[in-house]
Amino acid sequence: MNRPDKFSWVELTISNESGLYTKQGWGRIYGIPLTTQEIVVRGDGMYQIEFSDQEVTVSSEVLVKKEGNINS
């Protein structure tokens, strides 16, 4: 079993034109959840996604509806 370093952490900050939308993470103040974390953003608009981390490898995926978001 691989154990994370006691100093490892990751933080995800999502902002929009109004400012901070949400801030979530793993490690430090966020604890160490044992399941995959999912963040759902349902509002329209432009969002900035920022990752900060130390001693971790993170996988992420962003899913959007094709309609209104992807030009054919």
PDB file of N, CA and C in Angstrom:
ATOM      1  N   MET A   1       0.835  -1.182   0.000  1.00  0.00           N
ATOM      2  CA  MET A   1       0.000   0.000   0.000  1.00  0.00           C
ATOM      3  C   MET A   1       0.877   1.243   0.000  1.00  0.00           C
ATOM      4  N   ASN A   2       0.548   2.194  -0.875  1.00  0.00           N
ATOM      5  CA  ASN A   2       1.261   3.466  -0.909  1.00  0.00           C
ATOM      6  C   ASN A   2       0.605   4.445   0.047  1.00  0.00           C
ATOM      7  N   ARG A   3       1.406   5.069   0.873  1.00  0.00           N
ATOM      8  CA  ARG A   3       0.892   6.077   1.790  1.00  0.00           C
ATOM      9  C   ARG A   3       1.332   7.447   1.299  1.00  0.00           C
ATOM     10  N   PRO A   4       0.438   8.425   1.344  1.00  0.00           N
ATOM     11  CA  PRO A   4       0.842   9.771   0.928  1.00  0.00           C
ATOM     12  C   PRO A   4       1.818  10.369   1.941  1.00  0.00           C
ATOM     13  N   ASP A   5       2.692  11.199   1.460  1.00  0.00           N
ATOM     14  CA  ASP A   5       3.584  11.950   2.333  1.00  0.00           C
ATOM     15  C   ASP A   5       2.737  12.804   3.275  1.00  0.00           C
ATOM     16  N   LYS A   6       3.163  12.938   4.513  1.00  0.00           N
ATOM     17  CA  LYS A   6       2.357  13.695   5.475  1.00  0.00           C
ATOM     18  C   LYS A   6       2.238  15.173   5.117  1.00  0.00           C
ATOM     19  N   PHE A   7       3.082  15.660   4.212  1.00  0.00           N
ATOM     20  CA  PHE A   7       3.014  17.060   3.799  1.00  0.00           C
ATOM     21  C   PHE A   7       2.329  17.249   2.442  1.00  0.00           C
ATOM     22  N   SER A   8       1.811  16.167   1.856  1.00  0.00           N
ATOM     23  CA  SER A   8       1.187  16.286   0.533  1.00  0.00           C
ATOM     24  C   SER A   8      -0.209  16.890   0.642  1.00  0.00           C
ATOM     25  N   TRP A   9      -0.567  17.687  -0.370  1.00  0.00           N
ATOM     26  CA  TRP A   9      -1.876  18.338  -0.422  1.00  0.00           C
ATOM     27  C   TRP A   9      -2.146  18.820  -1.834  1.00  0.00           C
ATOM     28  N   VAL A  10      -3.409  19.081  -2.122  1.00  0.00           N
ATOM     29  CA  VAL A  10      -3.801  19.694  -3.391  1.00  0.00           C
ATOM     30  C   VAL A  10      -5.012  20.584  -3.105  1.00  0.00           C
ATOM     31  N   GLU A  11      -5.081  21.707  -3.807  1.00  0.00           N
ATOM     32  CA  GLU A  11      -6.205  22.627  -3.645  1.00  0.00           C
ATOM     33  C   GLU A  11      -6.665  23.075  -5.026  1.00  0.00           C
ATOM     34  N   LEU A  12      -7.959  23.069  -5.233  1.00  0.00           N
ATOM     35  CA  LEU A  12      -8.575  23.479  -6.488  1.00  0.00           C
ATOM     36  C   LEU A  12      -9.418  24.717  -6.208  1.00  0.00           C
ATOM     37  N   THR A  13      -9.131  25.790  -6.935  1.00  0.00           N
ATOM     38  CA  THR A  13      -9.876  27.034  -6.785  1.00  0.00           C
ATOM     39  C   THR A  13     -10.597  27.314  -8.094  1.00  0.00           C
ATOM     40  N   ILE A  14     -11.908  27.545  -8.017  1.00  0.00           N
ATOM     41  CA  ILE A  14     -12.701  27.883  -9.195  1.00  0.00           C
ATOM     42  C   ILE A  14     -13.262  29.286  -8.986  1.00  0.00           C
ATOM     43  N   SER A  15     -12.990  30.157  -9.953  1.00  0.00           N
ATOM     44  CA  SER A  15     -13.460  31.542  -9.888  1.00  0.00           C
ATOM     45  C   SER A  15     -14.238  31.872 -11.146  1.00  0.00           C
ATOM     46  N   ASN A  16     -15.123  32.846 -11.024  1.00  0.00           N
ATOM     47  CA  ASN A  16     -15.819  33.381 -12.192  1.00  0.00           C
ATOM     48  C   ASN A  16     -15.745  34.895 -12.131  1.00  0.00           C
ATOM     49  N   GLU A  17     -16.503  35.577 -12.995  1.00  0.00           N
ATOM     50  CA  GLU A  17     -16.423  37.037 -13.052  1.00  0.00           C
ATOM     51  C   GLU A  17     -16.841  37.694 -11.735  1.00  0.00           C
ATOM     52  N   SER A  18     -17.572  36.989 -10.892  1.00  0.00           N
ATOM     53  CA  SER A  18     -18.006  37.524  -9.594  1.00  0.00           C
ATOM     54  C   SER A  18     -16.981  37.290  -8.488  1.00  0.00           C
ATOM     55  N   GLY A  19     -15.952  36.508  -8.759  1.00  0.00           N
ATOM     56  CA  GLY A  19     -14.939  36.195  -7.751  1.00  0.00           C
ATOM     57  C   GLY A  19     -14.869  34.710  -7.470  1.00  0.00           C
ATOM     58  N   LEU A  20     -14.537  34.364  -6.243  1.00  0.00           N
ATOM     59  CA  LEU A  20     -14.373  32.968  -5.855  1.00  0.00           C
ATOM     60  C   LEU A  20     -15.703  32.235  -5.925  1.00  0.00           C
ATOM     61  N   TYR A  21     -15.723  31.125  -6.671  1.00  0.00           N
ATOM     62  CA  TYR A  21     -16.922  30.285  -6.778  1.00  0.00           C
ATOM     63  C   TYR A  21     -16.870  29.171  -5.740  1.00  0.00           C
ATOM     64  N   THR A  22     -15.735  28.458  -5.684  1.00  0.00           N
ATOM     65  CA  THR A  22     -15.536  27.414  -4.673  1.00  0.00           C
ATOM     66  C   THR A  22     -14.053  27.120  -4.539  1.00  0.00           C
ATOM     67  N   LYS A  23     -13.692  26.579  -3.390  1.00  0.00           N
ATOM     68  CA  LYS A  23     -12.322  26.159  -3.134  1.00  0.00           C
ATOM     69  C   LYS A  23     -12.428  24.837  -2.386  1.00  0.00           C
ATOM     70  N   GLN A  24     -11.812  23.792  -2.942  1.00  0.00           N
ATOM     71  CA  GLN A  24     -11.856  22.466  -2.332  1.00  0.00           C
ATOM     72  C   GLN A  24     -10.492  21.812  -2.476  1.00  0.00           C
ATOM     73  N   GLY A  25     -10.278  20.753  -1.730  1.00  0.00           N
ATOM     74  CA  GLY A  25      -8.981  20.122  -1.833  1.00  0.00           C
ATOM     75  C   GLY A  25      -8.876  18.809  -1.089  1.00  0.00           C
ATOM     76  N   TRP A  26      -7.620  18.392  -0.900  1.00  0.00           N
ATOM     77  CA  TRP A  26      -7.260  17.133  -0.267  1.00  0.00           C
ATOM     78  C   TRP A  26      -6.017  17.387   0.567  1.00  0.00           C
ATOM     79  N   GLY A  27      -5.993  16.866   1.780  1.00  0.00           N
ATOM     80  CA  GLY A  27      -4.852  17.090   2.662  1.00  0.00           C
ATOM     81  C   GLY A  27      -4.995  18.415   3.403  1.00  0.00           C
ATOM     82  N   ARG A  28      -4.047  18.733   4.244  1.00  0.00           N
ATOM     83  CA  ARG A  28      -4.046  19.942   5.081  1.00  0.00           C
ATOM     84  C   ARG A  28      -5.408  20.161   5.725  1.00  0.00           C
ATOM     85  N   ILE A  29      -6.021  21.307   5.507  1.00  0.00           N
ATOM     86  CA  ILE A  29      -7.294  21.654   6.156  1.00  0.00           C
ATOM     87  C   ILE A  29      -8.469  20.860   5.600  1.00  0.00           C
ATOM     88  N   TYR A  30      -8.281  20.159   4.459  1.00  0.00           N
ATOM     89  CA  TYR A  30      -9.375  19.457   3.805  1.00  0.00           C
ATOM     90  C   TYR A  30      -9.520  18.006   4.242  1.00  0.00           C
ATOM     91  N   GLY A  31      -8.575  17.503   4.992  1.00  0.00           N
ATOM     92  CA  GLY A  31      -8.629  16.092   5.370  1.00  0.00           C
ATOM     93  C   GLY A  31      -8.189  15.210   4.216  1.00  0.00           C
ATOM     94  N   ILE A  32      -8.324  13.905   4.392  1.00  0.00           N
ATOM     95  CA  ILE A  32      -7.899  12.956   3.363  1.00  0.00           C
ATOM     96  C   ILE A  32      -9.062  12.024   3.048  1.00  0.00           C
ATOM     97  N   PRO A  33      -9.951  12.434   2.124  1.00  0.00           N
ATOM     98  CA  PRO A  33     -11.066  11.574   1.745  1.00  0.00           C
ATOM     99  C   PRO A  33     -10.558  10.304   1.056  1.00  0.00           C
ATOM    100  N   LEU A  34     -11.272   9.222   1.236  1.00  0.00           N
ATOM    101  CA  LEU A  34     -10.854   7.936   0.677  1.00  0.00           C
ATOM    102  C   LEU A  34     -11.508   7.638  -0.667  1.00  0.00           C
ATOM    103  N   THR A  35     -12.357   8.539  -1.162  1.00  0.00           N
ATOM    104  CA  THR A  35     -13.040   8.325  -2.433  1.00  0.00           C
ATOM    105  C   THR A  35     -12.692   9.455  -3.399  1.00  0.00           C
ATOM    106  N   THR A  36     -13.008   9.245  -4.661  1.00  0.00           N
ATOM    107  CA  THR A  36     -12.799  10.265  -5.679  1.00  0.00           C
ATOM    108  C   THR A  36     -13.673  11.477  -5.372  1.00  0.00           C
ATOM    109  N   GLN A  37     -13.104  12.655  -5.516  1.00  0.00           N
ATOM    110  CA  GLN A  37     -13.858  13.879  -5.268  1.00  0.00           C
ATOM    111  C   GLN A  37     -14.404  14.419  -6.581  1.00  0.00           C
ATOM    112  N   GLU A  38     -15.606  14.969  -6.529  1.00  0.00           N
ATOM    113  CA  GLU A  38     -16.252  15.527  -7.711  1.00  0.00           C
ATOM    114  C   GLU A  38     -16.803  16.901  -7.362  1.00  0.00           C
ATOM    115  N   ILE A  39     -16.551  17.873  -8.234  1.00  0.00           N
ATOM    116  CA  ILE A  39     -17.067  19.225  -8.059  1.00  0.00           C
ATOM    117  C   ILE A  39     -17.977  19.518  -9.238  1.00  0.00           C
ATOM    118  N   VAL A  40     -19.200  19.920  -8.965  1.00  0.00           N
ATOM    119  CA  VAL A  40     -20.172  20.199 -10.015  1.00  0.00           C
ATOM    120  C   VAL A  40     -20.432  21.704 -10.057  1.00  0.00           C
ATOM    121  N   VAL A  41     -20.271  22.295 -11.248  1.00  0.00           N
ATOM    122  CA  VAL A  41     -20.568  23.710 -11.475  1.00  0.00           C
ATOM    123  C   VAL A  41     -21.733  23.750 -12.447  1.00  0.00           C
ATOM    124  N   ARG A  42     -22.831  24.321 -12.040  1.00  0.00           N
ATOM    125  CA  ARG A  42     -24.033  24.310 -12.877  1.00  0.00           C
ATOM    126  C   ARG A  42     -24.358  25.671 -13.490  1.00  0.00           C
ATOM    127  N   GLY A  43     -23.684  26.715 -13.086  1.00  0.00           N
ATOM    128  CA  GLY A  43     -23.991  28.041 -13.593  1.00  0.00           C
ATOM    129  C   GLY A  43     -23.342  28.325 -14.936  1.00  0.00           C
ATOM    130  N   ASP A  44     -24.008  29.144 -15.743  1.00  0.00           N
ATOM    131  CA  ASP A  44     -23.439  29.587 -17.022  1.00  0.00           C
ATOM    132  C   ASP A  44     -22.299  30.561 -16.759  1.00  0.00           C
ATOM    133  N   GLY A  45     -21.440  30.719 -17.752  1.00  0.00           N
ATOM    134  CA  GLY A  45     -20.396  31.724 -17.664  1.00  0.00           C
ATOM    135  C   GLY A  45     -19.016  31.149 -17.878  1.00  0.00           C
ATOM    136  N   MET A  46     -18.047  32.014 -17.740  1.00  0.00           N
ATOM    137  CA  MET A  46     -16.632  31.646 -17.891  1.00  0.00           C
ATOM    138  C   MET A  46     -16.047  31.408 -16.504  1.00  0.00           C
ATOM    139  N   TYR A  47     -15.279  30.321 -16.361  1.00  0.00           N
ATOM    140  CA  TYR A  47     -14.688  29.969 -15.082  1.00  0.00           C
ATOM    141  C   TYR A  47     -13.185  29.793 -15.242  1.00  0.00           C
ATOM    142  N   GLN A  48     -12.450  30.169 -14.219  1.00  0.00           N
ATOM    143  CA  GLN A  48     -11.007  29.940 -14.167  1.00  0.00           C
ATOM    144  C   GLN A  48     -10.768  28.841 -13.135  1.00  0.00           C
ATOM    145  N   ILE A  49     -10.019  27.809 -13.520  1.00  0.00           N
ATOM    146  CA  ILE A  49      -9.721  26.685 -12.642  1.00  0.00           C
ATOM    147  C   ILE A  49      -8.227  26.691 -12.356  1.00  0.00           C
ATOM    148  N   GLU A  50      -7.877  26.686 -11.076  1.00  0.00           N
ATOM    149  CA  GLU A  50      -6.471  26.749 -10.683  1.00  0.00           C
ATOM    150  C   GLU A  50      -6.161  25.624  -9.696  1.00  0.00           C
ATOM    151  N   PHE A  51      -5.103  24.873  -9.987  1.00  0.00           N
ATOM    152  CA  PHE A  51      -4.629  23.827  -9.091  1.00  0.00           C
ATOM    153  C   PHE A  51      -3.370  24.310  -8.386  1.00  0.00           C
ATOM    154  N   SER A  52      -3.274  24.050  -7.087  1.00  0.00           N
ATOM    155  CA  SER A  52      -2.056  24.259  -6.310  1.00  0.00           C
ATOM    156  C   SER A  52      -1.801  22.936  -5.595  1.00  0.00           C
ATOM    157  N   ASP A  53      -0.526  22.546  -5.467  1.00  0.00           N
ATOM    158  CA  ASP A  53      -0.262  21.255  -4.839  1.00  0.00           C
ATOM    159  C   ASP A  53       1.153  21.144  -4.338  1.00  0.00           C
ATOM    160  N   GLN A  54       1.360  20.079  -3.577  1.00  0.00           N
ATOM    161  CA  GLN A  54       2.690  19.724  -3.092  1.00  0.00           C
ATOM    162  C   GLN A  54       2.753  18.217  -2.922  1.00  0.00           C
ATOM    163  N   GLU A  55       3.735  17.581  -3.545  1.00  0.00           N
ATOM    164  CA  GLU A  55       4.003  16.150  -3.377  1.00  0.00           C
ATOM    165  C   GLU A  55       2.829  15.250  -3.764  1.00  0.00           C
ATOM    166  N   VAL A  56       2.086  15.587  -4.843  1.00  0.00           N
ATOM    167  CA  VAL A  56       0.975  14.754  -5.284  1.00  0.00           C
ATOM    168  C   VAL A  56       0.945  14.669  -6.803  1.00  0.00           C
ATOM    169  N   THR A  57       0.283  13.656  -7.296  1.00  0.00           N
ATOM    170  CA  THR A  57      -0.048  13.536  -8.704  1.00  0.00           C
ATOM    171  C   THR A  57      -1.564  13.570  -8.790  1.00  0.00           C
ATOM    172  N   VAL A  58      -2.094  14.469  -9.615  1.00  0.00           N
ATOM    173  CA  VAL A  58      -3.536  14.673  -9.695  1.00  0.00           C
ATOM    174  C   VAL A  58      -4.017  14.390 -11.112  1.00  0.00           C
ATOM    175  N   SER A  59      -5.151  13.711 -11.211  1.00  0.00           N
ATOM    176  CA  SER A  59      -5.827  13.516 -12.492  1.00  0.00           C
ATOM    177  C   SER A  59      -7.104  14.340 -12.445  1.00  0.00           C
ATOM    178  N   SER A  60      -7.399  15.031 -13.546  1.00  0.00           N
ATOM    179  CA  SER A  60      -8.630  15.822 -13.570  1.00  0.00           C
ATOM    180  C   SER A  60      -9.316  15.641 -14.915  1.00  0.00           C
ATOM    181  N   GLU A  61     -10.590  15.920 -14.912  1.00  0.00           N
ATOM    182  CA  GLU A  61     -11.398  15.809 -16.115  1.00  0.00           C
ATOM    183  C   GLU A  61     -12.474  16.892 -16.038  1.00  0.00           C
ATOM    184  N   VAL A  62     -12.664  17.614 -17.145  1.00  0.00           N
ATOM    185  CA  VAL A  62     -13.700  18.635 -17.209  1.00  0.00           C
ATOM    186  C   VAL A  62     -14.699  18.199 -18.271  1.00  0.00           C
ATOM    187  N   LEU A  63     -15.956  18.079 -17.878  1.00  0.00           N
ATOM    188  CA  LEU A  63     -17.013  17.664 -18.795  1.00  0.00           C
ATOM    189  C   LEU A  63     -17.977  18.821 -19.005  1.00  0.00           C
ATOM    190  N   VAL A  64     -18.323  19.083 -20.257  1.00  0.00           N
ATOM    191  CA  VAL A  64     -19.297  20.131 -20.580  1.00  0.00           C
ATOM    192  C   VAL A  64     -20.289  19.578 -21.603  1.00  0.00           C
ATOM    193  N   LYS A  65     -21.502  20.145 -21.579  1.00  0.00           N
ATOM    194  CA  LYS A  65     -22.483  19.766 -22.608  1.00  0.00           C
ATOM    195  C   LYS A  65     -21.982  20.289 -23.941  1.00  0.00           C
ATOM    196  N   LYS A  66     -22.179  19.536 -25.008  1.00  0.00           N
ATOM    197  CA  LYS A  66     -21.792  19.971 -26.339  1.00  0.00           C
ATOM    198  C   LYS A  66     -22.608  21.179 -26.769  1.00  0.00           C
ATOM    199  N   GLU A  67     -23.917  21.146 -26.493  1.00  0.00           N
ATOM    200  CA  GLU A  67     -24.818  22.222 -26.912  1.00  0.00           C
ATOM    201  C   GLU A  67     -24.443  23.529 -26.236  1.00  0.00           C
ATOM    202  N   GLY A  68     -24.098  24.533 -27.040  1.00  0.00           N
ATOM    203  CA  GLY A  68     -23.776  25.845 -26.508  1.00  0.00           C
ATOM    204  C   GLY A  68     -22.341  25.994 -26.046  1.00  0.00           C
ATOM    205  N   ASN A  69     -21.564  24.925 -26.064  1.00  0.00           N
ATOM    206  CA  ASN A  69     -20.182  24.997 -25.587  1.00  0.00           C
ATOM    207  C   ASN A  69     -19.160  24.611 -26.640  1.00  0.00           C
ATOM    208  N   ILE A  70     -19.519  23.709 -27.538  1.00  0.00           N
ATOM    209  CA  ILE A  70     -18.553  23.197 -28.508  1.00  0.00           C
ATOM    210  C   ILE A  70     -19.087  23.463 -29.906  1.00  0.00           C
ATOM    211  N   ASN A  71     -18.309  24.186 -30.707  1.00  0.00           N
ATOM    212  CA  ASN A  71     -18.708  24.454 -32.095  1.00  0.00           C
ATOM    213  C   ASN A  71     -18.442  23.231 -32.956  1.00  0.00           C
ATOM    214  N   SER A  72     -19.402  22.861 -33.781  1.00  0.00           N
ATOM    215  CA  SER A  72     -19.250  21.691 -34.661  1.00  0.00           C
ATOM    216  C   SER A  72     -18.521  22.061 -35.928  1.00  0.00           C
TER     217      SER A  72
END
